[in-house]
Amino acid sequence: MKSEMQQDKDLVISCLKNNREAQHMLYKRFASKMYGICLRFAHGDNQAQDILQEGFIKVYDNLGKFRFEGSLEGWIKRIMVNAAIDYIKKNVNHFQEIDENSDQPCNIIEDEAISRLSVEDLMKIIQELPDSKRLIFNLYAYEGYSHKEIADKLGISIMTSKSQYCKAKKFLQERLTNINTISYERVH
């Protein structure tokens, strides 16, 4: 039985030989996971589908650059995240720049509301964030980028990244508080 890495290598080699069946297998194997990533960055299903499509085009265009030094899934995920960044940068008018000298505190009270939400409900709330805040929130909270890395990728200041992240967290907390209030009122 072949290891997963060897299966990935065989699949990539077949794709590079323009084997349509292998290309379809690659898509089928990773599309649903990658769609979930795209959906986190998107404002809805249509945007997520667009990002996914653009991402897979980039995957196929760059497959020859995959060096088999890490997981194929991780490599594809990185391309999808970059496709989401490119898509949002292309479609966002601007990032609200912040005065470098302002030091806005980001005091967010952690709430247990998240534990009561389904993944789908949490995803819907994240999708309500304005594009620039959603992008920065996802890059920082889910993808593990530092504010410096985000600033470099987006061409913004570190303070702007931090501020947009803080505003995103505040927005999410307000939405969660509203959901808790509504849930509490229904129970009582």
C-alpha atoms as a PDB file:
ATOM      1  CA  MET A   1       0.000   0.000   0.000  1.00  0.00           C
ATOM      2  CA  LYS A   2       1.370   3.398  -1.008  1.00  0.00           C
ATOM      3  CA  SER A   3       1.912   6.138   1.539  1.00  0.00           C
ATOM      4  CA  GLU A   4      -0.179   9.278   1.269  1.00  0.00           C
ATOM      5  CA  MET A   5       2.906  11.207   0.158  1.00  0.00           C
ATOM      6  CA  GLN A   6       3.564   8.702  -2.643  1.00  0.00           C
ATOM      7  CA  GLN A   7      -0.111   8.840  -3.686  1.00  0.00           C
ATOM      8  CA  ASP A   8       0.139  12.643  -3.787  1.00  0.00           C
ATOM      9  CA  LYS A   9       3.300  12.427  -5.871  1.00  0.00           C
ATOM     10  CA  ASP A  10       1.667  10.031  -8.347  1.00  0.00           C
ATOM     11  CA  LEU A  11      -1.401  12.264  -8.543  1.00  0.00           C
ATOM     12  CA  VAL A  12       0.671  15.406  -9.169  1.00  0.00           C
ATOM     13  CA  ILE A  13       2.771  13.674 -11.845  1.00  0.00           C
ATOM     14  CA  SER A  14      -0.397  12.467 -13.605  1.00  0.00           C
ATOM     15  CA  CYS A  15      -1.883  15.967 -13.437  1.00  0.00           C
ATOM     16  CA  LEU A  16       1.287  17.422 -14.922  1.00  0.00           C
ATOM     17  CA  LYS A  17       0.890  15.002 -17.840  1.00  0.00           C
ATOM     18  CA  ASN A  18      -2.518  16.630 -18.476  1.00  0.00           C
ATOM     19  CA  ASN A  19      -4.367  13.524 -17.336  1.00  0.00           C
ATOM     20  CA  ARG A  20      -7.937  14.912 -16.998  1.00  0.00           C
ATOM     21  CA  GLU A  21      -9.000  12.081 -14.697  1.00  0.00           C
ATOM     22  CA  ALA A  22      -6.121  12.845 -12.311  1.00  0.00           C
ATOM     23  CA  GLN A  23      -6.950  16.565 -12.403  1.00  0.00           C
ATOM     24  CA  HIS A  24     -10.557  15.736 -11.541  1.00  0.00           C
ATOM     25  CA  MET A  25      -9.383  13.449  -8.718  1.00  0.00           C
ATOM     26  CA  LEU A  26      -7.204  16.239  -7.309  1.00  0.00           C
ATOM     27  CA  TYR A  27     -10.155  18.606  -7.376  1.00  0.00           C
ATOM     28  CA  LYS A  28     -12.543  16.099  -5.798  1.00  0.00           C
ATOM     29  CA  ARG A  29     -10.060  15.223  -3.079  1.00  0.00           C
ATOM     30  CA  PHE A  30      -9.439  18.780  -1.911  1.00  0.00           C
ATOM     31  CA  ALA A  31     -12.383  20.900  -3.102  1.00  0.00           C
ATOM     32  CA  SER A  32     -14.625  20.559  -0.056  1.00  0.00           C
ATOM     33  CA  LYS A  33     -11.850  21.388   2.444  1.00  0.00           C
ATOM     34  CA  MET A  34     -10.650  24.279   0.323  1.00  0.00           C
ATOM     35  CA  TYR A  35     -14.219  25.524  -0.124  1.00  0.00           C
ATOM     36  CA  GLY A  36     -14.465  25.785   3.664  1.00  0.00           C
ATOM     37  CA  ILE A  37     -11.366  27.968   3.698  1.00  0.00           C
ATOM     38  CA  CYS A  38     -12.695  30.116   0.850  1.00  0.00           C
ATOM     39  CA  LEU A  39     -16.046  30.463   2.609  1.00  0.00           C
ATOM     40  CA  ARG A  40     -14.347  31.890   5.697  1.00  0.00           C
ATOM     41  CA  PHE A  41     -12.857  34.658   3.578  1.00  0.00           C
ATOM     42  CA  ALA A  42     -15.895  35.192   1.348  1.00  0.00           C
ATOM     43  CA  HIS A  43     -18.988  37.276   1.846  1.00  0.00           C
ATOM     44  CA  GLY A  44     -21.150  34.350   0.779  1.00  0.00           C
ATOM     45  CA  ASP A  45     -21.409  31.235  -1.350  1.00  0.00           C
ATOM     46  CA  ASN A  46     -20.932  32.963  -4.727  1.00  0.00           C
ATOM     47  CA  GLN A  47     -17.729  34.678  -3.630  1.00  0.00           C
ATOM     48  CA  ALA A  48     -16.448  31.448  -2.083  1.00  0.00           C
ATOM     49  CA  GLN A  49     -17.080  29.607  -5.366  1.00  0.00           C
ATOM     50  CA  ASP A  50     -15.238  32.344  -7.290  1.00  0.00           C
ATOM     51  CA  ILE A  51     -12.256  32.172  -4.922  1.00  0.00           C
ATOM     52  CA  LEU A  52     -12.229  28.373  -5.094  1.00  0.00           C
ATOM     53  CA  GLN A  53     -12.257  28.443  -8.887  1.00  0.00           C
ATOM     54  CA  GLU A  54      -9.477  31.037  -9.064  1.00  0.00           C
ATOM     55  CA  GLY A  55      -7.521  29.082  -6.461  1.00  0.00           C
ATOM     56  CA  PHE A  56      -7.707  25.810  -8.366  1.00  0.00           C
ATOM     57  CA  ILE A  57      -6.658  27.542 -11.571  1.00  0.00           C
ATOM     58  CA  LYS A  58      -3.567  28.725  -9.671  1.00  0.00           C
ATOM     59  CA  VAL A  59      -3.044  25.215  -8.270  1.00  0.00           C
ATOM     60  CA  TYR A  60      -3.046  23.671 -11.742  1.00  0.00           C
ATOM     61  CA  ASP A  61      -0.902  26.497 -13.189  1.00  0.00           C
ATOM     62  CA  ASN A  62       1.707  26.085 -10.442  1.00  0.00           C
ATOM     63  CA  LEU A  63       1.592  22.337  -9.845  1.00  0.00           C
ATOM     64  CA  GLY A  64       5.008  21.951 -11.447  1.00  0.00           C
ATOM     65  CA  LYS A  65       6.437  24.106  -8.636  1.00  0.00           C
ATOM     66  CA  PHE A  66       5.274  21.728  -5.903  1.00  0.00           C
ATOM     67  CA  ARG A  67       8.483  20.222  -4.444  1.00  0.00           C
ATOM     68  CA  PHE A  68       7.010  17.393  -2.328  1.00  0.00           C
ATOM     69  CA  GLU A  69       8.723  18.888   0.722  1.00  0.00           C
ATOM     70  CA  GLY A  70       5.486  19.298   2.653  1.00  0.00           C
ATOM     71  CA  SER A  71       1.950  18.086   2.334  1.00  0.00           C
ATOM     72  CA  LEU A  72       0.087  18.652  -0.901  1.00  0.00           C
ATOM     73  CA  GLU A  73      -2.937  19.748   1.111  1.00  0.00           C
ATOM     74  CA  GLY A  74      -0.912  22.403   2.931  1.00  0.00           C
ATOM     75  CA  TRP A  75       0.502  23.684  -0.353  1.00  0.00           C
ATOM     76  CA  ILE A  76      -2.982  23.896  -1.893  1.00  0.00           C
ATOM     77  CA  LYS A  77      -4.327  25.600   1.238  1.00  0.00           C
ATOM     78  CA  ARG A  78      -1.639  28.286   0.987  1.00  0.00           C
ATOM     79  CA  ILE A  79      -2.642  28.903  -2.633  1.00  0.00           C
ATOM     80  CA  MET A  80      -6.318  29.164  -1.635  1.00  0.00           C
ATOM     81  CA  VAL A  81      -5.528  31.671   1.117  1.00  0.00           C
ATOM     82  CA  ASN A  82      -3.496  33.723  -1.356  1.00  0.00           C
ATOM     83  CA  ALA A  83      -6.324  33.475  -3.912  1.00  0.00           C
ATOM     84  CA  ALA A  84      -8.716  34.793  -1.251  1.00  0.00           C
ATOM     85  CA  ILE A  85      -6.347  37.664  -0.439  1.00  0.00           C
ATOM     86  CA  ASP A  86      -6.010  38.541  -4.129  1.00  0.00           C
ATOM     87  CA  TYR A  87      -9.766  38.328  -4.682  1.00  0.00           C
ATOM     88  CA  ILE A  88     -10.599  40.573  -1.735  1.00  0.00           C
ATOM     89  CA  LYS A  89      -7.819  43.063  -2.481  1.00  0.00           C
ATOM     90  CA  LYS A  90      -9.129  43.324  -6.040  1.00  0.00           C
ATOM     91  CA  ASN A  91     -12.708  43.872  -4.856  1.00  0.00           C
ATOM     92  CA  VAL A  92     -12.201  46.003  -1.720  1.00  0.00           C
ATOM     93  CA  ASN A  93     -12.121  49.726  -2.260  1.00  0.00           C
ATOM     94  CA  HIS A  94      -9.691  50.430   0.560  1.00  0.00           C
ATOM     95  CA  PHE A  95      -8.484  49.452   3.984  1.00  0.00           C
ATOM     96  CA  GLN A  96      -9.280  52.037   6.604  1.00  0.00           C
ATOM     97  CA  GLU A  97      -5.863  53.376   7.535  1.00  0.00           C
ATOM     98  CA  ILE A  98      -5.189  54.116  11.184  1.00  0.00           C
ATOM     99  CA  ASP A  99      -3.034  56.855  12.625  1.00  0.00           C
ATOM    100  CA  GLU A 100       0.230  55.211  13.646  1.00  0.00           C
ATOM    101  CA  ASN A 101       0.298  57.227  16.863  1.00  0.00           C
ATOM    102  CA  SER A 102      -3.109  56.137  18.069  1.00  0.00           C
ATOM    103  CA  ASP A 103      -3.000  53.239  20.465  1.00  0.00           C
ATOM    104  CA  GLN A 104      -6.565  52.013  20.621  1.00  0.00           C
ATOM    105  CA  PRO A 105      -7.031  49.355  23.256  1.00  0.00           C
ATOM    106  CA  CYS A 106      -8.744  46.207  22.118  1.00  0.00           C
ATOM    107  CA  ASN A 107     -10.532  45.089  25.240  1.00  0.00           C
ATOM    108  CA  ILE A 108     -12.740  42.206  24.256  1.00  0.00           C
ATOM    109  CA  ILE A 109     -14.524  40.156  26.852  1.00  0.00           C
ATOM    110  CA  GLU A 110     -14.374  36.485  25.964  1.00  0.00           C
ATOM    111  CA  ASP A 111     -17.803  34.929  25.921  1.00  0.00           C
ATOM    112  CA  GLU A 112     -19.034  31.362  26.033  1.00  0.00           C
ATOM    113  CA  ALA A 113     -21.474  32.125  23.216  1.00  0.00           C
ATOM    114  CA  ILE A 114     -19.147  30.648  20.624  1.00  0.00           C
ATOM    115  CA  SER A 115     -19.343  27.227  22.258  1.00  0.00           C
ATOM    116  CA  ARG A 116     -23.119  27.243  21.790  1.00  0.00           C
ATOM    117  CA  LEU A 117     -23.007  28.102  18.105  1.00  0.00           C
ATOM    118  CA  SER A 118     -22.838  25.645  15.268  1.00  0.00           C
ATOM    119  CA  VAL A 119     -19.952  25.986  12.824  1.00  0.00           C
ATOM    120  CA  GLU A 120     -22.444  27.159  10.183  1.00  0.00           C
ATOM    121  CA  ASP A 121     -23.825  29.900  12.470  1.00  0.00           C
ATOM    122  CA  LEU A 122     -20.329  31.105  13.375  1.00  0.00           C
ATOM    123  CA  MET A 123     -19.386  31.109   9.672  1.00  0.00           C
ATOM    124  CA  LYS A 124     -22.430  33.271   8.875  1.00  0.00           C
ATOM    125  CA  ILE A 125     -21.449  35.779  11.546  1.00  0.00           C
ATOM    126  CA  ILE A 126     -17.869  35.948  10.253  1.00  0.00           C
ATOM    127  CA  GLN A 127     -19.225  36.472   6.723  1.00  0.00           C
ATOM    128  CA  GLU A 128     -21.112  39.539   7.975  1.00  0.00           C
ATOM    129  CA  LEU A 129     -17.809  41.299   8.636  1.00  0.00           C
ATOM    130  CA  PRO A 130     -16.852  43.931   6.074  1.00  0.00           C
ATOM    131  CA  ASP A 131     -14.379  42.493   3.544  1.00  0.00           C
ATOM    132  CA  SER A 132     -11.219  44.144   4.878  1.00  0.00           C
ATOM    133  CA  LYS A 133     -11.956  43.215   8.497  1.00  0.00           C
ATOM    134  CA  ARG A 134     -12.936  39.653   7.537  1.00  0.00           C
ATOM    135  CA  LEU A 135      -9.706  39.235   5.569  1.00  0.00           C
ATOM    136  CA  ILE A 136      -7.504  40.454   8.421  1.00  0.00           C
ATOM    137  CA  PHE A 137      -9.489  38.483  11.025  1.00  0.00           C
ATOM    138  CA  ASN A 138      -9.083  35.250   9.063  1.00  0.00           C
ATOM    139  CA  LEU A 139      -5.409  35.800   8.326  1.00  0.00           C
ATOM    140  CA  TYR A 140      -4.622  36.504  11.974  1.00  0.00           C
ATOM    141  CA  ALA A 141      -7.056  34.256  13.870  1.00  0.00           C
ATOM    142  CA  TYR A 142      -7.234  31.239  11.568  1.00  0.00           C
ATOM    143  CA  GLU A 143      -4.143  31.279   9.385  1.00  0.00           C
ATOM    144  CA  GLY A 144      -1.689  32.408  12.055  1.00  0.00           C
ATOM    145  CA  TYR A 145      -0.167  35.355  10.207  1.00  0.00           C
ATOM    146  CA  SER A 146       1.421  38.069  12.347  1.00  0.00           C
ATOM    147  CA  HIS A 147       0.227  41.655  11.958  1.00  0.00           C
ATOM    148  CA  LYS A 148       3.541  42.458  10.282  1.00  0.00           C
ATOM    149  CA  GLU A 149       3.021  39.669   7.733  1.00  0.00           C
ATOM    150  CA  ILE A 150      -0.542  40.839   7.105  1.00  0.00           C
ATOM    151  CA  ALA A 151       0.625  44.424   6.694  1.00  0.00           C
ATOM    152  CA  ASP A 152       3.290  43.342   4.202  1.00  0.00           C
ATOM    153  CA  LYS A 153       0.862  41.153   2.210  1.00  0.00           C
ATOM    154  CA  LEU A 154      -1.832  43.818   2.031  1.00  0.00           C
ATOM    155  CA  GLY A 155       0.349  46.920   1.728  1.00  0.00           C
ATOM    156  CA  ILE A 156      -1.025  48.469   4.922  1.00  0.00           C
ATOM    157  CA  SER A 157       0.530  49.504   8.214  1.00  0.00           C
ATOM    158  CA  ILE A 158       0.848  47.141  11.172  1.00  0.00           C
ATOM    159  CA  MET A 159      -1.393  49.467  13.207  1.00  0.00           C
ATOM    160  CA  THR A 160      -4.065  49.266  10.515  1.00  0.00           C
ATOM    161  CA  SER A 161      -3.921  45.474  10.662  1.00  0.00           C
ATOM    162  CA  LYS A 162      -4.174  45.497  14.456  1.00  0.00           C
ATOM    163  CA  SER A 163      -7.004  48.019  14.432  1.00  0.00           C
ATOM    164  CA  GLN A 164      -9.006  46.182  11.770  1.00  0.00           C
ATOM    165  CA  TYR A 165      -8.558  42.931  13.712  1.00  0.00           C
ATOM    166  CA  CYS A 166      -9.712  44.605  16.919  1.00  0.00           C
ATOM    167  CA  LYS A 167     -12.771  46.081  15.175  1.00  0.00           C
ATOM    168  CA  ALA A 168     -13.579  42.668  13.706  1.00  0.00           C
ATOM    169  CA  LYS A 169     -13.446  41.074  17.164  1.00  0.00           C
ATOM    170  CA  LYS A 170     -15.662  43.812  18.584  1.00  0.00           C
ATOM    171  CA  PHE A 171     -18.171  43.304  15.774  1.00  0.00           C
ATOM    172  CA  LEU A 172     -18.207  39.551  16.378  1.00  0.00           C
ATOM    173  CA  GLN A 173     -18.617  40.047  20.110  1.00  0.00           C
ATOM    174  CA  GLU A 174     -21.585  42.372  19.545  1.00  0.00           C
ATOM    175  CA  ARG A 175     -23.217  39.843  17.231  1.00  0.00           C
ATOM    176  CA  LEU A 176     -22.626  37.052  19.746  1.00  0.00           C
ATOM    177  CA  THR A 177     -24.038  39.183  22.560  1.00  0.00           C
ATOM    178  CA  ASN A 178     -27.139  39.844  20.464  1.00  0.00           C
ATOM    179  CA  ILE A 179     -27.541  36.129  19.766  1.00  0.00           C
ATOM    180  CA  ASN A 180     -27.161  35.333  23.483  1.00  0.00           C
ATOM    181  CA  THR A 181     -29.719  37.980  24.397  1.00  0.00           C
ATOM    182  CA  ILE A 182     -32.205  36.642  21.854  1.00  0.00           C
ATOM    183  CA  SER A 183     -31.587  33.045  22.981  1.00  0.00           C
ATOM    184  CA  TYR A 184     -32.018  34.036  26.648  1.00  0.00           C
ATOM    185  CA  GLU A 185     -35.253  35.886  25.900  1.00  0.00           C
ATOM    186  CA  ARG A 186     -36.659  32.861  24.043  1.00  0.00           C
ATOM    187  CA  VAL A 187     -35.919  30.550  26.975  1.00  0.00           C
ATOM    188  CA  HIS A 188     -37.487  32.838  29.579  1.00  0.00           C
END
